Protein backbone atom coordinates (compact mmCIF):
# COMPACT_ATOMS: atom_id res chain seq x y z
CA MET A 1 0.00 0.00 0.00
CA SER A 2 1.43 3.37 -0.96
CA VAL A 3 2.18 5.97 1.69
CA LEU A 4 -0.51 8.26 0.27
CA ARG A 5 -3.13 5.48 0.29
CA ARG A 6 -2.16 4.52 3.87
CA LEU A 7 -2.47 8.15 4.96
CA LEU A 8 -5.80 8.53 3.23
CA SER A 9 -7.09 5.32 4.81
CA THR A 10 -6.87 7.08 8.19
CA LEU A 11 -9.72 9.26 6.94
CA ILE A 12 -12.02 6.25 6.98
CA ASP A 13 -14.15 6.55 10.10
CA SER A 14 -13.96 3.01 11.49
CA GLY A 15 -12.78 0.80 8.65
CA GLU A 16 -16.20 -0.82 8.67
CA ARG A 17 -18.19 -1.40 5.53
CA TYR A 18 -21.92 -0.93 5.72
CA GLN A 19 -23.76 -3.15 3.28
CA LEU A 20 -26.81 -1.76 1.54
CA GLU A 21 -29.13 -4.08 -0.32
CA GLY A 22 -32.69 -4.33 -1.50
CA GLY A 23 -35.03 -1.73 -2.86
CA VAL A 24 -34.87 -2.81 -6.51
CA GLY A 25 -37.71 -1.18 -8.43
CA LYS A 26 -38.62 1.15 -5.56
CA THR A 27 -38.32 4.91 -5.79
CA ILE A 28 -36.53 7.05 -3.21
CA ARG A 29 -39.89 8.31 -1.99
CA GLU A 30 -41.10 4.75 -1.36
CA LEU A 31 -37.86 3.88 0.42
CA ALA A 32 -38.13 7.04 2.56
CA MET A 33 -41.60 6.02 3.73
CA GLU A 34 -40.16 2.70 4.92
CA ALA A 35 -37.29 4.40 6.79
CA ARG A 36 -39.55 5.95 9.45
CA PHE A 37 -37.96 9.37 9.62
CA GLY A 38 -38.93 11.63 12.50
CA SER A 39 -38.80 14.49 10.02
CA ILE A 40 -37.88 15.23 6.42
CA ASP A 41 -37.27 18.90 5.70
CA ALA A 42 -38.73 20.71 2.69
CA TRP A 43 -35.37 20.88 0.89
CA ALA A 44 -34.81 17.13 1.30
CA ARG A 45 -38.31 16.52 -0.09
CA MET A 46 -37.36 18.65 -3.09
CA VAL A 47 -34.14 16.64 -3.66
CA ILE A 48 -36.14 13.40 -3.42
CA ALA A 49 -38.81 14.67 -5.84
CA HIS A 50 -36.18 15.69 -8.43
CA ASN A 51 -34.42 12.31 -8.24
CA ASP A 52 -37.32 9.94 -7.62
CA ARG A 53 -36.47 7.11 -9.99
CA PRO A 54 -36.71 3.37 -9.34
CA LEU A 55 -33.55 1.75 -8.03
CA THR A 56 -31.92 -0.59 -10.55
CA GLU A 57 -30.44 -4.01 -9.79
CA GLU A 58 -26.95 -2.61 -10.40
CA GLN A 59 -27.48 0.22 -7.90
CA SER A 60 -29.12 -1.94 -5.26
CA ILE A 61 -26.18 -3.87 -3.80
CA THR A 62 -23.28 -1.83 -2.53
CA ASP A 63 -21.08 -1.24 0.47
CA MET A 64 -20.68 2.15 2.07
CA ALA A 65 -17.75 3.54 4.03
CA LEU A 66 -17.78 6.64 6.20
CA LEU A 67 -15.00 9.20 5.86
CA LYS A 68 -14.15 11.46 8.77
CA GLY A 69 -14.64 15.16 8.37
CA GLY A 70 -12.06 17.66 9.49
CA SER A 71 -12.54 20.91 11.32
CA HIS A 72 -14.74 23.17 9.21
CA GLU A 73 -14.24 20.96 6.18
CA ARG A 74 -14.83 22.29 2.69
CA ILE A 75 -16.64 20.00 0.28
CA THR A 76 -13.56 19.59 -1.92
CA HIS A 77 -11.54 17.78 0.79
CA PRO A 78 -13.80 14.73 1.21
CA LEU A 79 -14.30 14.57 -2.56
CA MET A 80 -10.52 14.57 -3.12
CA ALA A 81 -10.13 11.87 -0.46
CA MET A 82 -12.80 9.75 -2.17
CA GLU A 83 -11.04 10.11 -5.50
CA ALA A 84 -7.61 9.27 -4.05
CA LEU A 85 -9.03 6.17 -2.31
CA LYS A 86 -10.77 5.23 -5.57
CA PHE A 87 -14.13 5.45 -3.83
CA HIS A 88 -17.25 6.56 -5.66
CA ARG A 89 -19.84 9.14 -4.81
CA PRO A 90 -23.05 7.72 -3.35
CA ILE A 91 -26.37 8.00 -5.16
CA HIS A 92 -29.42 9.75 -3.74
CA ALA A 93 -31.13 6.49 -2.73
CA ASP A 94 -28.10 5.47 -0.63
CA ALA A 95 -29.02 8.06 2.03
CA VAL A 96 -32.46 6.59 2.55
CA ARG A 97 -31.27 2.98 2.36
CA PHE A 98 -28.49 3.75 4.85
CA ALA A 99 -31.04 5.32 7.21
CA ARG A 100 -33.23 2.22 7.12
CA LYS A 101 -30.46 -0.09 8.32
CA TYR A 102 -27.89 2.07 10.13
CA HIS A 103 -30.00 4.88 11.61
CA TYR A 104 -28.29 4.45 15.01
CA LEU A 105 -25.00 5.78 13.55
CA THR A 106 -26.55 9.24 13.23
CA ARG A 107 -26.51 9.54 17.02
CA GLU A 108 -22.71 9.82 16.78
CA GLY A 109 -22.97 12.72 14.30
CA PRO A 110 -24.48 13.62 10.94
CA VAL A 111 -23.75 11.60 7.81
CA ALA A 112 -23.58 13.57 4.55
CA PHE A 113 -24.10 11.91 1.17
CA LEU A 114 -22.07 13.73 -1.47
CA HIS A 115 -24.10 12.43 -4.41
CA GLU A 116 -24.53 14.55 -7.53
CA PRO A 117 -25.93 17.75 -6.00
CA SER A 118 -29.47 18.93 -6.69
CA GLN A 119 -30.25 22.58 -7.28
CA ASP A 120 -32.74 24.36 -5.06
CA PRO A 121 -35.02 27.12 -6.40
CA PHE A 122 -32.34 29.72 -5.57
CA GLY A 123 -29.67 27.95 -7.65
CA LEU A 124 -27.74 26.58 -4.66
CA ARG A 125 -26.57 22.98 -4.87
CA CYS A 126 -27.46 20.65 -2.03
CA VAL A 127 -26.99 17.05 -0.87
CA LEU A 128 -28.85 14.79 1.55
CA VAL A 129 -27.75 14.60 5.18
CA LEU A 130 -28.89 12.18 7.89
CA SER A 131 -28.86 13.38 11.48
CA TRP A 132 -30.37 12.64 14.87
CA ASP A 133 -32.48 15.01 16.91
CA TYR A 134 -33.47 13.98 20.43
CA PHE A 135 -36.95 15.47 20.00
CA ASN A 136 -37.75 14.26 16.47
CA GLY A 137 -35.43 11.25 16.10
CA LEU A 138 -33.98 10.44 12.70
CA GLN A 139 -33.96 13.40 10.31
CA LEU A 140 -33.36 13.71 6.60
CA THR A 141 -32.29 17.18 5.53
CA ALA A 142 -30.65 18.79 2.53
CA ASP A 143 -27.63 21.00 3.05
CA TYR A 144 -25.64 23.26 0.77
CA ILE A 145 -22.36 21.92 -0.53
CA GLY A 146 -20.67 25.34 -0.42
CA ARG A 147 -20.84 25.61 3.34
CA ARG A 148 -18.20 24.60 5.87
CA TRP A 149 -19.05 21.27 7.49
CA GLU A 150 -18.67 20.67 11.23
CA SER A 151 -15.99 18.24 12.37
CA THR A 152 -18.63 15.74 13.56
CA VAL A 153 -19.95 15.18 10.03
CA ARG A 154 -18.95 11.95 8.30
CA PHE A 155 -19.16 11.57 4.56
CA ALA A 156 -20.60 8.41 2.98
CA ALA A 157 -18.76 6.91 0.01
CA ARG A 158 -19.01 3.80 -2.15
CA PRO A 159 -15.72 1.84 -1.89
């Protein structure tokens, strides 16, 4: 393993792989209804509506890894780490499928899914984020990719 790859592997949150499966033929909206979210914000609903296509067989089985965020991380850093590790960006449905099986991980901090961003009505690009709120439970939100991310955010990637 090269020095660079070894260094980059320290960015992986726990070294665990989280297997996602199922959902073939279901849309993101259908999968979201099964996930039992405490709340889904209006922006996340918009992202889901714009990308609400049935999941294909090819997309349905995948592993996910979580990359650690740094202090006030810019979006380019986790994307560069994914590229260097030869990881792939998640797809929109991965956020909802991850929430169905690994919702408890959001209690440790938010998980951002850096899929192809969706544009909101103001032209800002956003991605889906899972988080935990002690009053509402599991939340699905959309956040802007141009912002600085807190150090507790982990970024989901397809190894």
